[in-house]
Amino acid sequence: MTDTYIIALDAMGGDFGPSVTIPAAANALEKQPNLKFIIYGDQKVVQSLLDQYSQLKNAATFHHTDIAISSHDKPSRALRHGKGSSMRLAIEAVKNGEAQAIVSAGNTGALMVMSKLILKSLPGIFRPAIASVMPTQKGKVVMLDLGANLVCDAEVLTQFALLGAVYAKVVQGISKPSVGLLNVGTEEMKGHDEIRAAAEVLSTVSFPGRYHGFIEGDDITKGTVDVVVTDGFTGNVALKTAEGVAKLTKHFLTDAFKSSPLAIMGYLLSMRAMKTMKDKVDPRQYNGGMFLGLNGICVKSHGGSDVLATENAILVAADLVRNDFNSQVAEEMEKLMGQESFVETVGV
């Protein structure tokens, strides 16, 4: 018998709300019929959309709330006034064991703060991290942290390495994923004290991955390693820079192909190849920021996501549940903390 995975869906999150989240859930259900949903949102806008998808309607439980967290709300305000909101109710569904994961395209800061408060961290994890998968020349790389923790010490970076390695192992099927620390150079003396201390820890302990060493920014897209570890400040800057370069490349290509009749003809002849390239770098295919380290699966969809991107975020959550990600992390974390070399190096 196929296991059923229940996803709590914040239908009101994101720039487009239910008009995107409901059809995205319907599409995800077509690909994975074993999914079930608990949907939270305003009945006035959700119900009519839900009625259009009979398969989803049969696989979903709907709960009305007309309270939604705004993308402009500060996390502190969301905590004070967000009780009963679609986001909070969805998180609480995971906390109460009614659902196994939450997916929201809502306010990132509010989602992280609420999730940390309600779900708590897994045993031994100090700070949950935002992780995402990115395309590379060799396939895919998982990168964390992408903005949850601006400053990280050596022990936190080591925990990020463990989280990323477990993801690459259990979800991507890499038996011994390589892990690199993002730095300003590959030499041992480069970087601030925290990253050099993290390198010392990862060089001496046993964890689910294989420590590669320091990597530089261009190594991310080269596919030098399977997991890129960094603090949230650097990770977010790197991510936004990569997104900007992708948009710039698209802009230059568009201008080039419009520059002359011969260029237009060249585009027509290369349409199939261009589509292949576009599909490989399409950010919608990699949507779904994972809040790794929480005692519950939480996936953040980009606020401006369309149906395809939101569908992929839902499927990311389903992957984490199906692969029993959190149990794997808890087991590996216990092994790490039991190692004498880890205790001696981090001084715990």
Protein backbone atom coordinates (compact mmCIF):
# COMPACT_ATOMS: atom_id res chain seq x y z
CA MET A 1 0.00 0.00 0.00
CA THR A 2 1.34 3.44 -0.93
CA ASP A 3 1.93 5.82 1.97
CA THR A 4 -0.15 8.99 2.10
CA TYR A 5 1.59 12.32 2.70
CA ILE A 6 -0.43 15.20 4.11
CA ILE A 7 0.63 18.75 3.21
CA ALA A 8 -0.69 21.80 5.07
CA LEU A 9 -1.06 24.57 2.49
CA ASP A 10 -1.13 28.28 3.25
CA ALA A 11 -3.39 29.22 0.36
CA MET A 12 -3.24 32.96 1.06
CA GLY A 13 0.55 33.33 0.94
CA GLY A 14 2.44 34.97 -1.91
CA ASP A 15 1.66 37.67 -4.42
CA PHE A 16 -1.14 35.72 -6.10
CA GLY A 17 -2.63 33.68 -3.24
CA PRO A 18 -5.23 30.99 -4.03
CA SER A 19 -5.21 31.70 -7.77
CA VAL A 20 -1.78 30.03 -7.82
CA THR A 21 -1.71 27.75 -4.77
CA ILE A 22 -4.91 25.85 -5.59
CA PRO A 23 -4.09 24.90 -9.23
CA ALA A 24 -0.51 24.15 -8.12
CA ALA A 25 -1.80 21.70 -5.52
CA ALA A 26 -4.05 20.11 -8.17
CA ASN A 27 -1.07 19.67 -10.51
CA ALA A 28 1.07 18.19 -7.73
CA LEU A 29 -1.71 15.76 -6.91
CA GLU A 30 -1.81 14.57 -10.53
CA LYS A 31 1.89 13.73 -10.32
CA GLN A 32 1.66 12.21 -6.84
CA PRO A 33 -1.85 10.80 -6.22
CA ASN A 34 -0.85 9.76 -2.69
CA LEU A 35 -0.83 13.40 -1.55
CA LYS A 36 -3.49 14.83 0.73
CA PHE A 37 -3.93 18.49 1.61
CA ILE A 38 -5.20 20.58 4.48
CA ILE A 39 -5.86 23.97 2.92
CA TYR A 40 -6.16 27.17 4.95
CA GLY A 41 -7.60 30.33 3.43
CA ASP A 42 -10.53 32.63 2.85
CA GLN A 43 -13.56 30.64 1.70
CA LYS A 44 -14.79 33.51 -0.47
CA VAL A 45 -11.81 33.12 -2.82
CA VAL A 46 -10.66 29.55 -2.20
CA GLN A 47 -13.89 27.58 -2.47
CA SER A 48 -14.77 28.58 -6.03
CA LEU A 49 -11.26 27.63 -7.16
CA LEU A 50 -11.35 24.36 -5.24
CA ASP A 51 -14.66 23.47 -6.92
CA GLN A 52 -12.86 23.54 -10.29
CA TYR A 53 -10.58 20.65 -9.33
CA SER A 54 -12.65 17.66 -8.27
CA GLN A 55 -9.66 15.38 -7.65
CA LEU A 56 -8.06 17.96 -5.35
CA LYS A 57 -11.34 18.68 -3.61
CA ASN A 58 -11.70 14.99 -2.77
CA ALA A 59 -8.12 14.85 -1.48
CA ALA A 60 -8.30 18.03 0.59
CA THR A 61 -9.76 19.30 3.83
CA PHE A 62 -10.50 23.01 3.77
CA HIS A 63 -10.42 25.35 6.79
CA HIS A 64 -11.70 28.90 6.47
CA THR A 65 -9.81 31.89 7.83
CA ASP A 66 -9.94 35.45 6.59
CA ILE A 67 -6.73 36.36 8.44
CA ALA A 68 -3.58 36.45 6.32
CA ILE A 69 0.00 37.58 6.98
CA SER A 70 0.99 40.43 4.70
CA SER A 71 4.29 40.36 2.85
CA HIS A 72 4.98 43.76 4.45
CA ASP A 73 4.38 42.64 8.04
CA LYS A 74 7.40 42.53 10.31
CA PRO A 75 7.96 39.10 11.92
CA SER A 76 7.25 40.61 15.37
CA ARG A 77 3.87 41.93 14.20
CA ALA A 78 3.07 38.60 12.55
CA LEU A 79 3.72 36.85 15.85
CA ARG A 80 1.51 39.25 17.80
CA HIS A 81 -1.37 39.49 15.35
CA GLY A 82 -1.06 36.36 13.25
CA LYS A 83 -2.97 33.97 15.49
CA GLY A 84 -5.63 32.31 13.37
CA SER A 85 -3.92 33.29 10.11
CA SER A 86 -3.64 30.84 7.23
CA MET A 87 0.14 30.64 7.75
CA ARG A 88 0.00 30.01 11.48
CA LEU A 89 -2.81 27.46 11.25
CA ALA A 90 -0.85 25.53 8.62
CA ILE A 91 2.24 25.47 10.85
CA GLU A 92 0.16 24.36 13.82
CA ALA A 93 -1.25 21.51 11.75
CA VAL A 94 2.29 20.12 11.45
CA LYS A 95 2.96 20.72 15.13
CA ASN A 96 -0.23 18.83 16.08
CA GLY A 97 0.54 15.91 13.79
CA GLU A 98 -2.38 16.59 11.45
CA ALA A 99 0.00 17.23 8.53
CA GLN A 100 3.57 16.20 7.80
CA ALA A 101 4.70 19.38 6.05
CA ILE A 102 3.72 22.98 5.46
CA VAL A 103 4.15 24.91 2.21
CA SER A 104 3.73 28.68 2.10
CA ALA A 105 4.64 31.46 -0.31
CA GLY A 106 4.05 34.03 2.41
CA ASN A 107 6.31 36.43 4.29
CA THR A 108 9.69 34.68 4.70
CA GLY A 109 10.61 36.32 8.01
CA ALA A 110 7.21 35.61 9.52
CA LEU A 111 7.28 32.00 8.32
CA MET A 112 10.73 31.39 9.79
CA VAL A 113 9.96 33.04 13.13
CA MET A 114 6.61 31.29 13.52
CA SER A 115 8.02 27.94 12.44
CA LYS A 116 10.91 28.19 14.91
CA LEU A 117 8.54 29.20 17.71
CA ILE A 118 5.90 26.55 17.04
CA LEU A 119 7.82 23.62 15.58
CA LYS A 120 11.11 24.20 17.45
CA SER A 121 14.44 22.86 16.22
CA LEU A 122 15.46 19.24 15.93
CA PRO A 123 17.52 17.95 18.90
CA GLY A 124 21.05 19.33 18.74
CA ILE A 125 20.32 21.85 15.98
CA PHE A 126 21.00 25.42 17.13
CA ARG A 127 19.69 27.32 14.11
CA PRO A 128 17.55 26.09 11.21
CA ALA A 129 18.81 27.13 7.78
CA ILE A 130 17.16 28.03 4.50
CA ALA A 131 18.39 25.67 1.79
CA SER A 132 17.65 25.40 -1.90
CA VAL A 133 18.78 23.42 -4.92
CA MET A 134 20.51 25.22 -7.80
CA PRO A 135 21.55 24.07 -11.30
CA THR A 136 25.24 23.52 -12.08
CA GLN A 137 27.36 22.38 -15.02
CA LYS A 138 27.34 18.88 -13.55
CA GLY A 139 23.77 18.62 -12.26
CA LYS A 140 22.47 20.16 -9.05
CA VAL A 141 23.90 21.56 -5.83
CA VAL A 142 22.17 22.17 -2.50
CA MET A 143 23.18 25.44 -0.85
CA LEU A 144 22.61 26.73 2.68
CA ASP A 145 22.14 29.08 4.49
CA LEU A 146 20.34 31.48 2.15
CA GLY A 147 19.32 34.14 4.62
CA ALA A 148 18.02 32.80 7.93
CA ASN A 149 21.23 33.36 9.93
CA LEU A 150 23.39 36.31 8.99
CA VAL A 151 26.24 35.41 11.36
CA CYS A 152 27.26 31.81 12.12
CA ASP A 153 29.94 30.29 14.30
CA ALA A 154 31.89 27.11 13.51
CA GLU A 155 29.45 24.77 15.22
CA VAL A 156 26.45 26.19 13.36
CA LEU A 157 28.29 25.92 10.02
CA THR A 158 29.13 22.31 10.87
CA GLN A 159 25.46 21.62 11.52
CA PHE A 160 24.60 23.19 8.16
CA ALA A 161 27.09 20.82 6.53
CA LEU A 162 25.35 17.89 8.16
CA LEU A 163 21.89 19.12 7.12
CA GLY A 164 22.98 19.65 3.52
CA ALA A 165 24.78 16.31 3.34
CA VAL A 166 21.76 14.41 4.68
CA TYR A 167 19.54 16.11 2.09
CA ALA A 168 21.92 15.28 -0.77
CA LYS A 169 22.16 11.70 0.46
CA VAL A 170 18.54 10.81 1.18
CA VAL A 171 16.72 12.99 -1.38
CA GLN A 172 19.22 13.23 -4.25
CA GLY A 173 20.64 9.74 -3.76
CA ILE A 174 24.33 10.71 -3.47
CA SER A 175 25.99 8.09 -1.27
CA LYS A 176 28.79 10.35 0.04
CA PRO A 177 28.07 13.96 -0.98
CA SER A 178 30.99 16.36 -1.15
CA VAL A 179 30.67 19.47 1.03
CA GLY A 180 32.46 22.78 0.50
CA LEU A 181 32.67 25.91 2.64
CA LEU A 182 32.15 29.07 0.57
CA ASN A 183 35.11 31.38 1.11
CA VAL A 184 37.13 34.18 -0.48
CA GLY A 185 39.80 31.70 -1.55
CA THR A 186 40.71 28.04 -1.36
CA GLU A 187 43.87 28.47 0.71
CA GLU A 188 43.72 27.30 4.34
CA MET A 189 44.63 30.72 5.77
CA LYS A 190 41.84 32.54 3.90
CA GLY A 191 38.55 33.67 5.46
CA HIS A 192 37.35 34.84 8.84
CA ASP A 193 37.91 32.93 12.07
CA GLU A 194 34.52 31.19 12.08
CA ILE A 195 34.88 29.63 8.65
CA ARG A 196 38.45 28.49 9.32
CA ALA A 197 37.27 26.96 12.60
CA ALA A 198 34.43 25.19 10.78
CA ALA A 199 36.95 23.80 8.30
CA GLU A 200 38.96 22.37 11.20
CA VAL A 201 35.86 20.66 12.61
CA LEU A 202 34.74 19.20 9.28
CA SER A 203 38.26 17.94 8.61
CA THR A 204 38.28 15.88 11.80
CA VAL A 205 34.74 14.56 12.31
CA SER A 206 32.75 11.83 10.60
CA PHE A 207 29.45 12.99 9.08
CA PRO A 208 27.23 11.87 6.17
CA GLY A 209 29.27 13.82 3.65
CA ARG A 210 32.88 14.20 2.54
CA TYR A 211 34.54 17.50 3.35
CA HIS A 212 36.03 18.96 0.16
CA GLY A 213 37.57 22.15 1.58
CA PHE A 214 37.08 25.82 0.78
CA ILE A 215 35.40 26.79 -2.48
CA GLU A 216 34.96 30.11 -4.25
CA GLY A 217 31.86 31.69 -5.77
CA ASP A 218 32.38 30.31 -9.27
CA ASP A 219 32.58 26.78 -7.85
CA ILE A 220 28.85 26.93 -7.05
CA THR A 221 27.74 26.75 -10.69
CA LYS A 222 30.72 24.64 -11.76
CA GLY A 223 29.33 21.82 -9.63
CA THR A 224 32.63 21.44 -7.76
CA VAL A 225 30.75 20.08 -4.73
CA ASP A 226 27.32 18.61 -3.99
CA VAL A 227 26.69 20.85 -0.97
CA VAL A 228 27.69 24.50 -0.49
CA VAL A 229 27.75 25.76 3.12
CA THR A 230 27.92 29.41 4.12
CA ASP A 231 26.34 31.96 6.47
CA GLY A 232 22.99 33.48 5.58
CA PHE A 233 24.40 36.89 4.64
CA THR A 234 26.86 35.52 2.08
CA GLY A 235 24.44 32.85 0.86
CA ASN A 236 21.66 35.34 0.19
CA VAL A 237 23.97 37.71 -1.66
CA ALA A 238 25.30 34.80 -3.77
CA LEU A 239 21.78 33.60 -4.57
CA LYS A 240 20.49 37.03 -5.58
CA THR A 241 23.63 37.64 -7.65
CA ALA A 242 23.11 34.34 -9.49
CA GLU A 243 19.48 35.27 -10.16
CA GLY A 244 20.58 38.66 -11.47
CA VAL A 245 23.19 37.14 -13.79
CA ALA A 246 20.56 34.76 -15.17
CA LYS A 247 18.22 37.68 -15.93
CA LEU A 248 21.07 39.67 -17.47
CA THR A 249 22.03 36.74 -19.70
CA LYS A 250 18.43 36.38 -20.84
CA HIS A 251 18.31 40.12 -21.60
CA PHE A 252 21.51 39.99 -23.67
CA LEU A 253 20.38 36.91 -25.58
CA THR A 254 17.02 38.50 -26.38
CA ASP A 255 18.68 41.67 -27.65
CA ALA A 256 21.19 39.69 -29.70
CA PHE A 257 18.54 37.58 -31.43
CA LYS A 258 16.50 40.71 -32.24
CA SER A 259 19.46 42.60 -33.62
CA SER A 260 19.07 41.62 -37.30
CA PRO A 261 17.04 39.44 -39.69
CA LEU A 262 19.96 36.99 -39.79
CA ALA A 263 19.99 36.81 -36.00
CA ILE A 264 16.24 36.12 -35.99
CA MET A 265 16.78 33.32 -38.48
CA GLY A 266 19.53 31.94 -36.25
CA TYR A 267 17.12 31.98 -33.32
CA LEU A 268 14.48 30.09 -35.29
CA LEU A 269 17.04 27.42 -36.20
CA SER A 270 18.19 27.10 -32.58
CA MET A 271 14.78 27.23 -30.88
CA ARG A 272 14.92 23.64 -29.66
CA ALA A 273 18.39 24.09 -28.16
CA MET A 274 17.36 27.39 -26.58
CA LYS A 275 14.32 25.76 -25.00
CA THR A 276 16.51 23.01 -23.56
CA MET A 277 18.82 25.61 -22.03
CA LYS A 278 15.89 27.65 -20.72
CA ASP A 279 14.37 24.61 -19.02
CA LYS A 280 17.69 23.78 -17.31
CA VAL A 281 18.08 27.24 -15.78
CA ASP A 282 14.38 28.02 -15.22
CA PRO A 283 14.20 29.11 -11.54
CA ARG A 284 10.67 27.71 -11.30
CA GLN A 285 12.12 24.21 -11.60
CA TYR A 286 14.16 24.82 -8.42
CA ASN A 287 11.57 26.68 -6.38
CA GLY A 288 11.12 25.68 -2.76
CA GLY A 289 13.35 27.03 -0.01
CA MET A 290 13.63 24.33 2.65
CA PHE A 291 13.80 25.34 6.31
CA LEU A 292 16.14 22.53 7.32
CA GLY A 293 16.66 21.73 11.00
CA LEU A 294 13.11 22.38 12.18
CA ASN A 295 11.18 19.65 14.00
CA GLY A 296 8.75 19.53 11.09
CA ILE A 297 8.99 19.95 7.33
CA CYS A 298 8.56 23.55 6.19
CA VAL A 299 9.03 24.71 2.59
CA LYS A 300 8.95 28.33 1.47
CA SER A 301 7.77 29.05 -2.05
CA HIS A 302 8.91 32.31 -3.65
CA GLY A 303 6.41 35.10 -3.13
CA GLY A 304 6.10 35.76 -6.85
CA SER A 305 5.80 32.10 -7.81
CA ASP A 306 3.49 31.00 -10.58
CA VAL A 307 1.64 27.68 -10.71
CA LEU A 308 4.61 25.63 -11.92
CA ALA A 309 6.98 27.05 -9.30
CA THR A 310 4.47 26.50 -6.49
CA GLU A 311 3.81 22.97 -7.68
CA ASN A 312 7.53 22.25 -7.44
CA ALA A 313 7.66 23.65 -3.90
CA ILE A 314 4.88 21.24 -2.91
CA LEU A 315 6.76 18.34 -4.50
CA VAL A 316 9.92 19.35 -2.59
CA ALA A 317 7.97 19.08 0.67
CA ALA A 318 6.63 15.68 -0.38
CA ASP A 319 10.18 14.50 -1.16
CA LEU A 320 11.38 15.49 2.32
CA VAL A 321 8.49 13.65 3.95
CA ARG A 322 8.80 10.56 1.78
CA ASN A 323 12.52 10.27 2.53
CA ASP A 324 11.97 10.70 6.28
CA PHE A 325 14.44 13.57 6.25
CA ASN A 326 14.07 14.72 9.84
CA SER A 327 14.57 11.27 11.32
CA GLN A 328 17.76 10.94 9.29
CA VAL A 329 19.01 14.31 10.55
CA ALA A 330 18.25 13.45 14.18
CA GLU A 331 20.14 10.16 13.86
CA GLU A 332 23.18 11.76 12.21
CA MET A 333 23.19 14.65 14.69
CA GLU A 334 23.29 12.22 17.60
CA LYS A 335 26.26 10.45 15.99
CA LEU A 336 28.07 13.75 15.43
CA MET A 337 27.63 14.99 18.99
CA GLY A 338 28.87 11.66 20.32
CA GLN A 339 32.24 11.98 18.58
CA GLU A 340 35.13 12.93 20.82
CA SER A 341 36.81 14.87 18.01
CA PHE A 342 33.68 17.03 17.60
CA VAL A 343 33.43 17.78 21.32
CA GLU A 344 37.14 18.65 21.52
CA THR A 345 37.14 20.85 18.41
CA VAL A 346 34.03 22.94 19.12
CA GLY A 347 34.58 22.97 22.88
CA VAL A 348 31.16 21.68 23.99
